[in-house]
């Protein structure tokens, strides 16, 4: 993948003002700049590849569905759960998918829903991961305190990408 002109411009602006990498840029050490931008941050990004298996069984990041809570949700919530789990993965960068999961596993009870706070917390914990510095550079937050959505999820910045950005 070659960087778009806006991605290259954002990377150039960020790297040019980043004291950590300016010495690498001065030496045209594109590998070290890429390595720095491929490092993790403390900003979580939603995953577009959240598997139903992870949702059901959990992952190394934590548990998935609390089946005691699932047994207690109403039939409408179970139908919505079945609709959500028809594909192999869920794209949690999509707001409507996150809303649907929230309706199936709400934090608190309402007249039409049974609370599933453990499952909701579990799924929030495993459905996002810490983004790389480059991923968070190309991201936006949908609401205060929420995880970010990135347009370059999983992309590993290459030295050639950095060179393209810095020399354009």
N, C-alpha and C. Protein backbone atom coordinates (compact mmCIF):
# COMPACT_ATOMS: atom_id res chain seq x y z
N UNK A 1 0.85 -1.18 0.00
CA UNK A 1 0.00 0.00 0.00
C UNK A 1 0.89 1.23 0.00
N UNK A 2 0.61 2.13 -0.87
CA UNK A 2 1.30 3.41 -0.89
C UNK A 2 0.45 4.40 -0.12
N UNK A 3 1.08 5.29 0.61
CA UNK A 3 0.33 6.26 1.39
C UNK A 3 -0.41 7.22 0.47
N UNK A 4 -1.61 7.60 0.88
CA UNK A 4 -2.31 8.65 0.13
C UNK A 4 -1.60 9.97 0.42
N UNK A 5 -1.90 10.98 -0.38
CA UNK A 5 -1.24 12.28 -0.16
C UNK A 5 -1.60 12.85 1.21
N UNK A 6 -2.83 12.64 1.68
CA UNK A 6 -3.19 13.17 3.00
C UNK A 6 -2.51 12.38 4.12
N UNK A 7 -2.35 11.07 3.95
CA UNK A 7 -1.64 10.26 4.94
C UNK A 7 -0.16 10.66 5.00
N UNK A 8 0.43 10.87 3.83
CA UNK A 8 1.84 11.28 3.76
C UNK A 8 2.02 12.65 4.41
N UNK A 9 1.10 13.56 4.15
CA UNK A 9 1.20 14.90 4.73
C UNK A 9 1.06 14.85 6.25
N UNK A 10 0.14 14.03 6.74
CA UNK A 10 -0.06 13.90 8.19
C UNK A 10 1.18 13.29 8.84
N UNK A 11 1.75 12.28 8.21
CA UNK A 11 2.96 11.65 8.75
C UNK A 11 4.12 12.64 8.75
N UNK A 12 4.28 13.38 7.67
CA UNK A 12 5.37 14.36 7.57
C UNK A 12 5.22 15.43 8.65
N UNK A 13 4.02 15.93 8.83
CA UNK A 13 3.79 16.97 9.84
C UNK A 13 4.06 16.44 11.24
N UNK A 14 3.58 15.24 11.51
CA UNK A 14 3.78 14.64 12.83
C UNK A 14 5.26 14.35 13.09
N UNK A 15 5.92 13.70 12.14
CA UNK A 15 7.31 13.32 12.33
C UNK A 15 8.23 14.54 12.42
N UNK A 16 7.92 15.57 11.65
CA UNK A 16 8.75 16.77 11.65
C UNK A 16 8.71 17.49 12.99
N UNK A 17 7.62 17.29 13.74
CA UNK A 17 7.50 17.97 15.04
C UNK A 17 7.71 17.02 16.21
N UNK A 18 8.14 15.81 15.93
CA UNK A 18 8.34 14.79 16.97
C UNK A 18 9.82 14.72 17.35
N UNK A 19 10.14 15.19 18.53
CA UNK A 19 11.54 15.23 18.97
C UNK A 19 12.18 13.86 18.99
N UNK A 20 11.38 12.81 19.14
CA UNK A 20 11.91 11.45 19.19
C UNK A 20 12.51 11.03 17.85
N UNK A 21 11.95 11.52 16.76
CA UNK A 21 12.39 11.03 15.44
C UNK A 21 13.12 12.07 14.59
N UNK A 22 13.22 13.31 15.05
CA UNK A 22 13.87 14.32 14.20
C UNK A 22 15.33 13.98 13.89
N UNK A 23 16.02 13.37 14.83
CA UNK A 23 17.42 12.99 14.54
C UNK A 23 17.47 11.89 13.48
N UNK A 24 16.48 10.99 13.50
CA UNK A 24 16.43 9.95 12.46
C UNK A 24 16.18 10.58 11.09
N UNK A 25 15.30 11.57 11.07
CA UNK A 25 14.96 12.24 9.80
C UNK A 25 16.20 12.96 9.27
N UNK A 26 16.95 13.62 10.16
CA UNK A 26 18.15 14.34 9.74
C UNK A 26 19.17 13.41 9.08
N UNK A 27 19.19 12.14 9.51
CA UNK A 27 20.11 11.15 8.94
C UNK A 27 19.46 10.32 7.83
N UNK A 28 18.25 10.66 7.47
CA UNK A 28 17.47 9.87 6.48
C UNK A 28 17.36 8.41 6.90
N UNK A 29 17.22 8.20 8.20
CA UNK A 29 17.07 6.84 8.75
C UNK A 29 15.58 6.50 8.79
N UNK A 30 15.04 6.17 7.62
CA UNK A 30 13.60 5.93 7.47
C UNK A 30 13.17 4.68 8.24
N UNK A 31 14.06 3.71 8.35
CA UNK A 31 13.75 2.48 9.10
C UNK A 31 13.42 2.81 10.56
N UNK A 32 14.24 3.64 11.20
CA UNK A 32 14.02 3.98 12.61
C UNK A 32 12.76 4.81 12.81
N UNK A 33 12.47 5.67 11.85
CA UNK A 33 11.21 6.45 11.93
C UNK A 33 10.03 5.50 11.84
N UNK A 34 10.07 4.58 10.88
CA UNK A 34 8.98 3.61 10.72
C UNK A 34 8.84 2.75 11.97
N UNK A 35 9.96 2.32 12.52
CA UNK A 35 9.94 1.51 13.73
C UNK A 35 9.27 2.27 14.88
N UNK A 36 9.58 3.53 15.01
CA UNK A 36 8.97 4.36 16.06
C UNK A 36 7.46 4.48 15.85
N UNK A 37 7.03 4.71 14.63
CA UNK A 37 5.59 4.88 14.35
C UNK A 37 4.83 3.55 14.37
N UNK A 38 5.53 2.44 14.29
CA UNK A 38 4.88 1.13 14.41
C UNK A 38 4.79 0.66 15.86
N UNK A 39 5.31 1.45 16.78
CA UNK A 39 5.27 1.10 18.21
C UNK A 39 3.91 1.39 18.81
N UNK A 40 3.60 0.73 19.92
CA UNK A 40 2.28 0.89 20.54
C UNK A 40 2.11 2.23 21.27
N UNK A 41 0.86 2.61 21.41
CA UNK A 41 0.49 3.81 22.18
C UNK A 41 -0.47 3.37 23.28
N UNK A 42 -0.99 4.32 24.00
CA UNK A 42 -1.99 4.03 25.02
C UNK A 42 -3.41 4.30 24.51
N UNK A 43 -3.53 4.58 23.21
CA UNK A 43 -4.83 4.83 22.61
C UNK A 43 -5.38 3.52 22.04
N UNK A 44 -6.59 3.18 22.47
CA UNK A 44 -7.20 1.95 21.95
C UNK A 44 -7.94 2.24 20.64
N UNK A 45 -7.83 1.30 19.71
CA UNK A 45 -8.55 1.40 18.43
C UNK A 45 -9.48 0.20 18.29
N UNK A 46 -10.67 0.48 17.73
CA UNK A 46 -11.63 -0.61 17.48
C UNK A 46 -11.08 -1.54 16.42
N UNK A 47 -11.39 -2.81 16.57
CA UNK A 47 -10.92 -3.82 15.62
C UNK A 47 -11.97 -4.09 14.55
N UNK A 48 -11.59 -4.08 13.27
CA UNK A 48 -12.52 -4.45 12.22
C UNK A 48 -12.57 -5.96 11.99
N UNK A 49 -11.79 -6.70 12.77
CA UNK A 49 -11.66 -8.15 12.57
C UNK A 49 -11.96 -8.94 13.84
N UNK A 50 -12.95 -8.48 14.60
CA UNK A 50 -13.32 -9.14 15.86
C UNK A 50 -14.10 -10.40 15.53
N UNK A 51 -13.53 -11.56 15.86
CA UNK A 51 -14.16 -12.82 15.45
C UNK A 51 -15.26 -13.24 16.42
N UNK A 52 -16.22 -13.95 15.88
CA UNK A 52 -17.31 -14.49 16.71
C UNK A 52 -16.74 -15.48 17.71
N UNK A 53 -15.71 -16.21 17.32
CA UNK A 53 -15.06 -17.15 18.25
C UNK A 53 -14.53 -16.41 19.47
N UNK A 54 -13.89 -15.25 19.26
CA UNK A 54 -13.41 -14.46 20.39
C UNK A 54 -14.56 -13.95 21.24
N UNK A 55 -15.63 -13.55 20.58
CA UNK A 55 -16.80 -13.05 21.30
C UNK A 55 -17.37 -14.13 22.21
N UNK A 56 -17.45 -15.34 21.70
CA UNK A 56 -18.02 -16.46 22.44
C UNK A 56 -17.07 -16.99 23.50
N UNK A 57 -15.82 -17.22 23.12
CA UNK A 57 -14.87 -17.88 24.01
C UNK A 57 -13.91 -16.95 24.75
N UNK A 58 -13.84 -15.69 24.31
CA UNK A 58 -12.84 -14.79 24.86
C UNK A 58 -11.53 -14.95 24.09
N UNK A 59 -10.52 -14.23 24.55
CA UNK A 59 -9.21 -14.28 23.89
C UNK A 59 -8.14 -14.09 24.95
N UNK A 60 -6.90 -13.95 24.51
CA UNK A 60 -5.82 -13.71 25.46
C UNK A 60 -6.02 -12.39 26.20
N UNK A 61 -6.85 -11.51 25.66
CA UNK A 61 -7.12 -10.23 26.29
C UNK A 61 -8.14 -10.32 27.41
N UNK A 62 -8.89 -11.43 27.46
CA UNK A 62 -9.88 -11.58 28.52
C UNK A 62 -11.05 -12.45 28.10
N UNK A 63 -12.01 -12.61 29.01
CA UNK A 63 -13.16 -13.48 28.72
C UNK A 63 -14.14 -12.84 27.74
N UNK A 64 -15.00 -13.66 27.18
CA UNK A 64 -16.04 -13.20 26.26
C UNK A 64 -17.39 -13.14 26.96
N UNK A 65 -18.35 -13.81 26.36
CA UNK A 65 -19.72 -13.78 26.87
C UNK A 65 -19.84 -14.52 28.19
N UNK A 66 -20.53 -13.90 29.13
CA UNK A 66 -20.90 -14.56 30.39
C UNK A 66 -22.22 -15.27 30.10
N UNK A 67 -22.18 -16.59 30.01
CA UNK A 67 -23.35 -17.36 29.57
C UNK A 67 -24.50 -17.33 30.57
N UNK A 68 -24.22 -17.02 31.83
CA UNK A 68 -25.29 -16.83 32.80
C UNK A 68 -26.09 -15.58 32.43
N UNK A 69 -25.38 -14.53 32.03
CA UNK A 69 -26.06 -13.30 31.59
C UNK A 69 -26.80 -13.54 30.28
N UNK A 70 -26.19 -14.29 29.38
CA UNK A 70 -26.86 -14.58 28.10
C UNK A 70 -28.18 -15.30 28.35
N UNK A 71 -28.18 -16.26 29.28
CA UNK A 71 -29.40 -17.01 29.58
C UNK A 71 -30.51 -16.10 30.09
N UNK A 72 -30.13 -14.98 30.70
CA UNK A 72 -31.12 -14.08 31.29
C UNK A 72 -31.65 -13.03 30.33
N UNK A 73 -31.00 -12.82 29.18
CA UNK A 73 -31.49 -11.77 28.27
C UNK A 73 -32.79 -12.24 27.62
N UNK A 74 -33.57 -11.26 27.15
CA UNK A 74 -34.90 -11.60 26.60
C UNK A 74 -34.80 -12.12 25.17
N UNK A 75 -35.91 -12.56 24.65
CA UNK A 75 -35.92 -13.20 23.32
C UNK A 75 -35.55 -12.23 22.21
N UNK A 76 -35.95 -10.95 22.33
CA UNK A 76 -35.56 -9.97 21.32
C UNK A 76 -34.03 -9.79 21.28
N UNK A 77 -33.42 -9.76 22.46
CA UNK A 77 -31.96 -9.63 22.54
C UNK A 77 -31.29 -10.87 21.95
N UNK A 78 -31.86 -12.04 22.20
CA UNK A 78 -31.27 -13.27 21.64
C UNK A 78 -31.38 -13.30 20.13
N UNK A 79 -32.50 -12.81 19.59
CA UNK A 79 -32.65 -12.74 18.13
C UNK A 79 -31.63 -11.78 17.53
N UNK A 80 -31.42 -10.65 18.20
CA UNK A 80 -30.44 -9.69 17.72
C UNK A 80 -29.03 -10.29 17.79
N UNK A 81 -28.74 -11.04 18.85
CA UNK A 81 -27.45 -11.72 18.98
C UNK A 81 -27.25 -12.69 17.82
N UNK A 82 -28.28 -13.46 17.50
CA UNK A 82 -28.17 -14.41 16.39
C UNK A 82 -27.92 -13.69 15.07
N UNK A 83 -28.55 -12.54 14.88
CA UNK A 83 -28.31 -11.77 13.66
C UNK A 83 -26.87 -11.27 13.60
N UNK A 84 -26.36 -10.82 14.73
CA UNK A 84 -24.98 -10.32 14.78
C UNK A 84 -23.95 -11.40 14.46
N UNK A 85 -24.24 -12.62 14.86
CA UNK A 85 -23.23 -13.68 14.79
C UNK A 85 -23.35 -14.56 13.55
N UNK A 86 -24.00 -14.06 12.50
CA UNK A 86 -24.15 -14.84 11.27
C UNK A 86 -22.89 -14.86 10.42
N UNK A 87 -22.02 -13.88 10.60
CA UNK A 87 -20.76 -13.88 9.85
C UNK A 87 -19.63 -14.32 10.77
N UNK A 88 -18.46 -14.50 10.22
CA UNK A 88 -17.31 -14.95 11.01
C UNK A 88 -16.69 -13.85 11.85
N UNK A 89 -16.84 -12.60 11.39
CA UNK A 89 -16.23 -11.47 12.11
C UNK A 89 -17.21 -10.32 12.21
N UNK A 90 -16.93 -9.44 13.16
CA UNK A 90 -17.67 -8.20 13.31
C UNK A 90 -16.71 -7.04 13.09
N UNK A 91 -17.16 -6.03 12.36
CA UNK A 91 -16.36 -4.83 12.13
C UNK A 91 -16.77 -3.79 13.16
N UNK A 92 -16.00 -3.70 14.23
CA UNK A 92 -16.35 -2.80 15.32
C UNK A 92 -15.97 -1.35 15.05
N UNK A 93 -15.45 -1.08 13.85
CA UNK A 93 -15.25 0.31 13.47
C UNK A 93 -16.59 0.92 13.05
N UNK A 94 -17.60 0.08 12.85
CA UNK A 94 -18.93 0.53 12.45
C UNK A 94 -19.78 0.81 13.69
N UNK A 95 -20.29 2.01 13.78
CA UNK A 95 -21.08 2.41 14.93
C UNK A 95 -22.32 1.57 15.14
N UNK A 96 -22.97 1.17 14.03
CA UNK A 96 -24.20 0.38 14.18
C UNK A 96 -23.93 -0.99 14.78
N UNK A 97 -22.76 -1.55 14.54
CA UNK A 97 -22.40 -2.85 15.12
C UNK A 97 -22.19 -2.69 16.63
N UNK A 98 -21.49 -1.63 17.03
CA UNK A 98 -21.27 -1.39 18.46
C UNK A 98 -22.59 -1.12 19.18
N UNK A 99 -23.49 -0.40 18.53
CA UNK A 99 -24.80 -0.12 19.13
C UNK A 99 -25.58 -1.42 19.31
N UNK A 100 -25.55 -2.28 18.30
CA UNK A 100 -26.27 -3.56 18.38
C UNK A 100 -25.75 -4.42 19.53
N UNK A 101 -24.44 -4.48 19.69
CA UNK A 101 -23.87 -5.24 20.80
C UNK A 101 -24.33 -4.64 22.13
N UNK A 102 -24.38 -3.31 22.20
CA UNK A 102 -24.85 -2.64 23.41
C UNK A 102 -26.32 -2.93 23.71
N UNK A 103 -27.10 -3.13 22.65
CA UNK A 103 -28.52 -3.46 22.86
C UNK A 103 -28.69 -4.90 23.32
N UNK A 104 -27.85 -5.79 22.84
CA UNK A 104 -27.92 -7.20 23.25
C UNK A 104 -27.40 -7.35 24.67
N UNK A 105 -26.30 -6.67 24.97
CA UNK A 105 -25.66 -6.77 26.28
C UNK A 105 -25.57 -5.38 26.92
N UNK A 106 -26.71 -4.83 27.36
CA UNK A 106 -26.70 -3.47 27.93
C UNK A 106 -26.04 -3.43 29.31
N UNK A 107 -25.60 -2.24 29.66
CA UNK A 107 -24.95 -2.06 30.97
C UNK A 107 -25.96 -2.08 32.10
N UNK A 108 -27.16 -1.59 31.84
CA UNK A 108 -28.20 -1.54 32.88
C UNK A 108 -29.52 -2.05 32.31
N UNK A 109 -30.39 -2.47 33.18
CA UNK A 109 -31.70 -2.96 32.74
C UNK A 109 -32.60 -1.81 32.31
N UNK A 110 -33.41 -2.08 31.32
CA UNK A 110 -34.49 -1.18 30.94
C UNK A 110 -35.74 -2.04 30.88
N UNK A 111 -36.84 -1.45 30.52
CA UNK A 111 -38.09 -2.21 30.51
C UNK A 111 -38.03 -3.38 29.53
N UNK A 112 -37.24 -3.21 28.46
CA UNK A 112 -37.22 -4.26 27.43
C UNK A 112 -35.92 -5.04 27.38
N UNK A 113 -34.99 -4.78 28.30
CA UNK A 113 -33.70 -5.45 28.22
C UNK A 113 -33.21 -5.87 29.59
N UNK A 114 -32.53 -6.99 29.62
CA UNK A 114 -31.91 -7.47 30.86
C UNK A 114 -30.45 -7.04 30.84
N UNK A 115 -29.96 -6.53 31.94
CA UNK A 115 -28.57 -6.07 32.00
C UNK A 115 -27.60 -7.23 31.85
N UNK A 116 -26.50 -6.95 31.20
CA UNK A 116 -25.42 -7.93 31.05
C UNK A 116 -24.10 -7.19 31.23
N UNK A 117 -23.90 -6.61 32.42
CA UNK A 117 -22.72 -5.75 32.59
C UNK A 117 -21.38 -6.47 32.48
N UNK A 118 -21.29 -7.72 32.92
CA UNK A 118 -20.01 -8.43 32.80
C UNK A 118 -19.68 -8.71 31.35
N UNK A 119 -20.67 -9.19 30.60
CA UNK A 119 -20.45 -9.48 29.18
C UNK A 119 -20.10 -8.20 28.44
N UNK A 120 -20.83 -7.13 28.70
CA UNK A 120 -20.56 -5.86 28.03
C UNK A 120 -19.12 -5.43 28.32
N UNK A 121 -18.70 -5.46 29.58
CA UNK A 121 -17.33 -5.07 29.94
C UNK A 121 -16.30 -6.00 29.30
N UNK A 122 -16.59 -7.30 29.29
CA UNK A 122 -15.68 -8.27 28.67
C UNK A 122 -15.49 -7.95 27.19
N UNK A 123 -16.60 -7.72 26.48
CA UNK A 123 -16.52 -7.48 25.04
C UNK A 123 -15.84 -6.15 24.74
N UNK A 124 -16.09 -5.14 25.54
CA UNK A 124 -15.39 -3.86 25.35
C UNK A 124 -13.89 -4.03 25.54
N UNK A 125 -13.51 -4.88 26.47
CA UNK A 125 -12.10 -5.11 26.76
C UNK A 125 -11.38 -5.83 25.62
N UNK A 126 -12.02 -6.80 25.00
CA UNK A 126 -11.32 -7.60 23.98
C UNK A 126 -11.61 -7.16 22.55
N UNK A 127 -12.51 -6.19 22.34
CA UNK A 127 -12.87 -5.79 20.99
C UNK A 127 -12.06 -4.61 20.46
N UNK A 128 -11.12 -4.15 21.26
CA UNK A 128 -10.23 -3.09 20.82
C UNK A 128 -8.83 -3.46 21.28
N UNK A 129 -7.84 -2.84 20.66
CA UNK A 129 -6.46 -3.07 21.08
C UNK A 129 -5.73 -1.74 21.05
N UNK A 130 -4.56 -1.70 21.69
CA UNK A 130 -3.77 -0.49 21.66
C UNK A 130 -3.24 -0.29 20.24
N UNK A 131 -3.49 0.87 19.70
CA UNK A 131 -3.06 1.17 18.34
C UNK A 131 -1.60 1.56 18.29
N UNK A 132 -1.04 1.46 17.10
CA UNK A 132 0.32 1.94 16.90
C UNK A 132 0.28 3.46 16.78
N UNK A 133 1.44 4.05 16.88
CA UNK A 133 1.52 5.51 16.74
C UNK A 133 1.00 5.93 15.35
N UNK A 134 1.32 5.15 14.33
CA UNK A 134 0.82 5.48 12.98
C UNK A 134 -0.70 5.30 12.89
N UNK A 135 -1.22 4.22 13.46
CA UNK A 135 -2.67 4.00 13.43
C UNK A 135 -3.42 5.14 14.12
N UNK A 136 -2.89 5.60 15.24
CA UNK A 136 -3.59 6.66 15.97
C UNK A 136 -3.43 8.02 15.29
N UNK A 137 -2.39 8.17 14.49
CA UNK A 137 -2.22 9.39 13.70
C UNK A 137 -3.34 9.49 12.67
N UNK A 138 -3.77 8.34 12.16
CA UNK A 138 -4.83 8.28 11.14
C UNK A 138 -6.13 7.79 11.75
N UNK A 139 -6.51 8.36 12.89
CA UNK A 139 -7.72 7.88 13.55
C UNK A 139 -8.58 9.05 14.01
N UNK A 140 -9.79 8.71 14.40
CA UNK A 140 -10.68 9.70 15.00
C UNK A 140 -11.45 9.02 16.11
N UNK A 141 -11.87 9.80 17.08
CA UNK A 141 -12.63 9.29 18.21
C UNK A 141 -14.08 9.68 17.99
N UNK A 142 -14.98 8.70 18.13
CA UNK A 142 -16.39 8.96 17.86
C UNK A 142 -17.09 9.68 19.00
N UNK A 143 -16.64 9.52 20.22
CA UNK A 143 -17.19 10.26 21.35
C UNK A 143 -16.15 10.30 22.46
N UNK A 144 -16.27 11.28 23.32
CA UNK A 144 -15.29 11.48 24.39
C UNK A 144 -15.12 10.21 25.21
N UNK A 145 -13.88 9.84 25.44
CA UNK A 145 -13.59 8.67 26.25
C UNK A 145 -13.72 7.34 25.52
N UNK A 146 -14.13 7.38 24.27
CA UNK A 146 -14.32 6.15 23.50
C UNK A 146 -13.03 5.74 22.81
N UNK A 147 -13.00 4.50 22.34
CA UNK A 147 -11.88 4.04 21.53
C UNK A 147 -11.91 4.75 20.18
N UNK A 148 -10.79 4.74 19.50
CA UNK A 148 -10.68 5.41 18.21
C UNK A 148 -10.96 4.45 17.06
N UNK A 149 -11.33 5.02 15.94
CA UNK A 149 -11.49 4.28 14.69
C UNK A 149 -10.36 4.73 13.79
N UNK A 150 -9.61 3.80 13.23
CA UNK A 150 -8.49 4.15 12.36
C UNK A 150 -8.73 3.62 10.95
N UNK A 151 -8.30 4.41 9.98
CA UNK A 151 -8.45 4.00 8.59
C UNK A 151 -7.30 3.11 8.13
N UNK A 152 -6.29 2.95 8.95
CA UNK A 152 -5.11 2.16 8.56
C UNK A 152 -4.87 1.02 9.54
N UNK A 153 -5.93 0.45 10.09
CA UNK A 153 -5.81 -0.63 11.08
C UNK A 153 -4.93 -1.75 10.54
N UNK A 154 -3.93 -2.13 11.32
CA UNK A 154 -3.09 -3.26 10.96
C UNK A 154 -2.01 -2.96 9.95
N UNK A 155 -1.97 -1.73 9.44
CA UNK A 155 -0.94 -1.41 8.46
C UNK A 155 0.39 -1.19 9.15
N UNK A 156 1.42 -1.84 8.67
CA UNK A 156 2.77 -1.67 9.21
C UNK A 156 3.50 -0.67 8.30
N UNK A 157 3.81 0.47 8.87
CA UNK A 157 4.49 1.52 8.12
C UNK A 157 5.87 1.03 7.70
N UNK A 158 6.19 1.22 6.43
CA UNK A 158 7.45 0.77 5.87
C UNK A 158 8.42 1.94 5.72
N UNK A 159 9.72 1.67 5.73
CA UNK A 159 10.70 2.76 5.52
C UNK A 159 10.42 3.54 4.23
N UNK A 160 10.01 2.86 3.18
CA UNK A 160 9.68 3.54 1.92
C UNK A 160 8.51 4.50 2.06
N UNK A 161 7.55 4.15 2.93
CA UNK A 161 6.41 5.05 3.19
C UNK A 161 6.91 6.34 3.84
N UNK A 162 7.81 6.18 4.81
CA UNK A 162 8.35 7.34 5.52
C UNK A 162 9.14 8.21 4.55
N UNK A 163 9.98 7.57 3.74
CA UNK A 163 10.77 8.33 2.76
C UNK A 163 9.84 9.09 1.81
N UNK A 164 8.78 8.43 1.34
CA UNK A 164 7.82 9.07 0.45
C UNK A 164 7.21 10.30 1.14
N UNK A 165 6.81 10.16 2.40
CA UNK A 165 6.20 11.26 3.12
C UNK A 165 7.17 12.41 3.36
N UNK A 166 8.37 12.07 3.76
CA UNK A 166 9.33 13.10 4.14
C UNK A 166 9.93 13.84 2.94
N UNK A 167 9.93 13.22 1.78
CA UNK A 167 10.52 13.86 0.61
C UNK A 167 9.47 14.44 -0.34
N UNK A 168 8.19 14.36 0.07
CA UNK A 168 7.15 14.91 -0.81
C UNK A 168 6.83 16.35 -0.45
